[in-house]
Amino acid sequence: MEYAFQKDKFQNPANSYWICVEQHYSQPWNASAAILYYWGRQFSVRAGDKGHRLVKEIRTTAQEFGVDSQPHFDTVDHSN
């Protein structure tokens, strides 16, 4: 797993964060399996010889959305 530091777009260090941008998984594959379920989706696979592996490469791109604003409160005197 590889992480990257994402600086806050408004230069506030308290809002900066680390995000996992790349992941690599390699695991043994059951040679008699005919279906793979991944994130609720079904995929047909061909039965293979021993030694086959399931390899997953995952890349994440982060984009920060925000508004540079500050709260402002006015008090109103309703006693008059």
Protein backbone atom coordinates (compact mmCIF):
# COMPACT_ATOMS: atom_id res chain seq x y z
CA MET A 1 0.00 0.00 0.00
CA GLU A 2 1.28 3.45 -0.89
CA TYR A 3 0.08 6.64 0.78
CA ALA A 4 0.34 10.27 -0.36
CA PHE A 5 -0.08 13.45 1.66
CA GLN A 6 -2.92 15.70 0.46
CA LYS A 7 -2.48 19.33 1.51
CA ASP A 8 -5.56 21.38 2.25
CA LYS A 9 -6.39 23.60 -0.74
CA PHE A 10 -6.94 26.59 1.59
CA GLN A 11 -3.57 26.11 3.30
CA ASN A 12 -5.07 25.00 6.63
CA PRO A 13 -2.73 22.24 7.92
CA ALA A 14 -5.46 20.92 10.25
CA ASN A 15 -7.48 19.86 7.18
CA SER A 16 -4.63 18.08 5.38
CA TYR A 17 -4.74 14.27 5.31
CA TRP A 18 -3.03 11.08 4.12
CA ILE A 19 -4.79 8.87 1.58
CA CYS A 20 -3.97 5.43 0.22
CA VAL A 21 -3.32 6.07 -3.49
CA GLU A 22 -2.10 2.62 -4.62
CA GLN A 23 -2.72 -0.93 -3.46
CA HIS A 24 -1.43 -4.20 -4.87
CA TYR A 25 -2.78 -7.61 -3.87
CA SER A 26 -1.72 -11.01 -5.17
CA GLN A 27 -3.36 -14.09 -3.74
CA PRO A 28 -3.67 -17.75 -4.73
CA TRP A 29 -6.63 -18.54 -6.99
CA ASN A 30 -8.77 -21.65 -6.58
CA ALA A 31 -8.29 -23.47 -9.90
CA SER A 32 -11.80 -25.01 -9.74
CA ALA A 33 -13.58 -21.66 -9.22
CA ALA A 34 -15.79 -20.57 -12.13
CA ILE A 35 -17.27 -17.32 -10.76
CA LEU A 36 -15.72 -14.29 -9.07
CA TYR A 37 -17.86 -11.87 -7.07
CA TYR A 38 -16.30 -8.44 -6.67
CA TRP A 39 -18.10 -5.44 -5.22
CA GLY A 40 -21.46 -7.10 -5.83
CA ARG A 41 -20.72 -7.90 -9.48
CA GLN A 42 -20.42 -11.40 -10.88
CA PHE A 43 -17.69 -12.39 -13.35
CA SER A 44 -17.26 -15.72 -15.08
CA VAL A 45 -13.71 -17.08 -15.06
CA ARG A 46 -12.15 -20.02 -16.81
CA ALA A 47 -10.92 -22.88 -14.67
CA GLY A 48 -7.16 -22.89 -14.71
CA ASP A 49 -4.15 -24.86 -13.72
CA LYS A 50 -2.67 -24.81 -10.26
CA GLY A 51 -0.50 -21.82 -9.56
CA HIS A 52 -2.89 -19.18 -10.89
CA ARG A 53 -3.21 -16.04 -8.82
CA LEU A 54 -5.75 -13.28 -8.43
CA VAL A 55 -4.03 -9.90 -8.81
CA LYS A 56 -5.74 -6.63 -7.88
CA GLU A 57 -4.25 -3.24 -8.73
CA ILE A 58 -6.12 -0.35 -7.09
CA ARG A 59 -5.45 3.36 -7.65
CA THR A 60 -7.31 6.11 -5.83
CA THR A 61 -7.45 9.75 -6.88
CA ALA A 62 -8.60 12.26 -4.29
CA GLN A 63 -9.99 15.68 -4.97
CA GLU A 64 -10.97 18.05 -2.24
CA PHE A 65 -14.06 20.16 -2.62
CA GLY A 66 -14.66 23.05 -0.28
CA VAL A 67 -15.45 26.67 0.25
CA ASP A 68 -13.20 29.08 2.04
CA SER A 69 -15.67 30.62 4.49
CA GLN A 70 -15.93 31.72 8.07
CA PRO A 71 -19.08 31.70 10.18
CA HIS A 72 -20.43 35.11 11.13
CA PHE A 73 -23.11 35.68 13.77
CA ASP A 74 -25.07 38.91 14.19
CA THR A 75 -27.04 39.62 17.31
CA VAL A 76 -30.39 41.32 17.04
CA ASP A 77 -31.96 43.12 19.99
CA HIS A 78 -35.68 42.20 19.99
CA SER A 79 -36.44 43.95 23.29
CA ASN A 80 -37.68 47.21 21.69
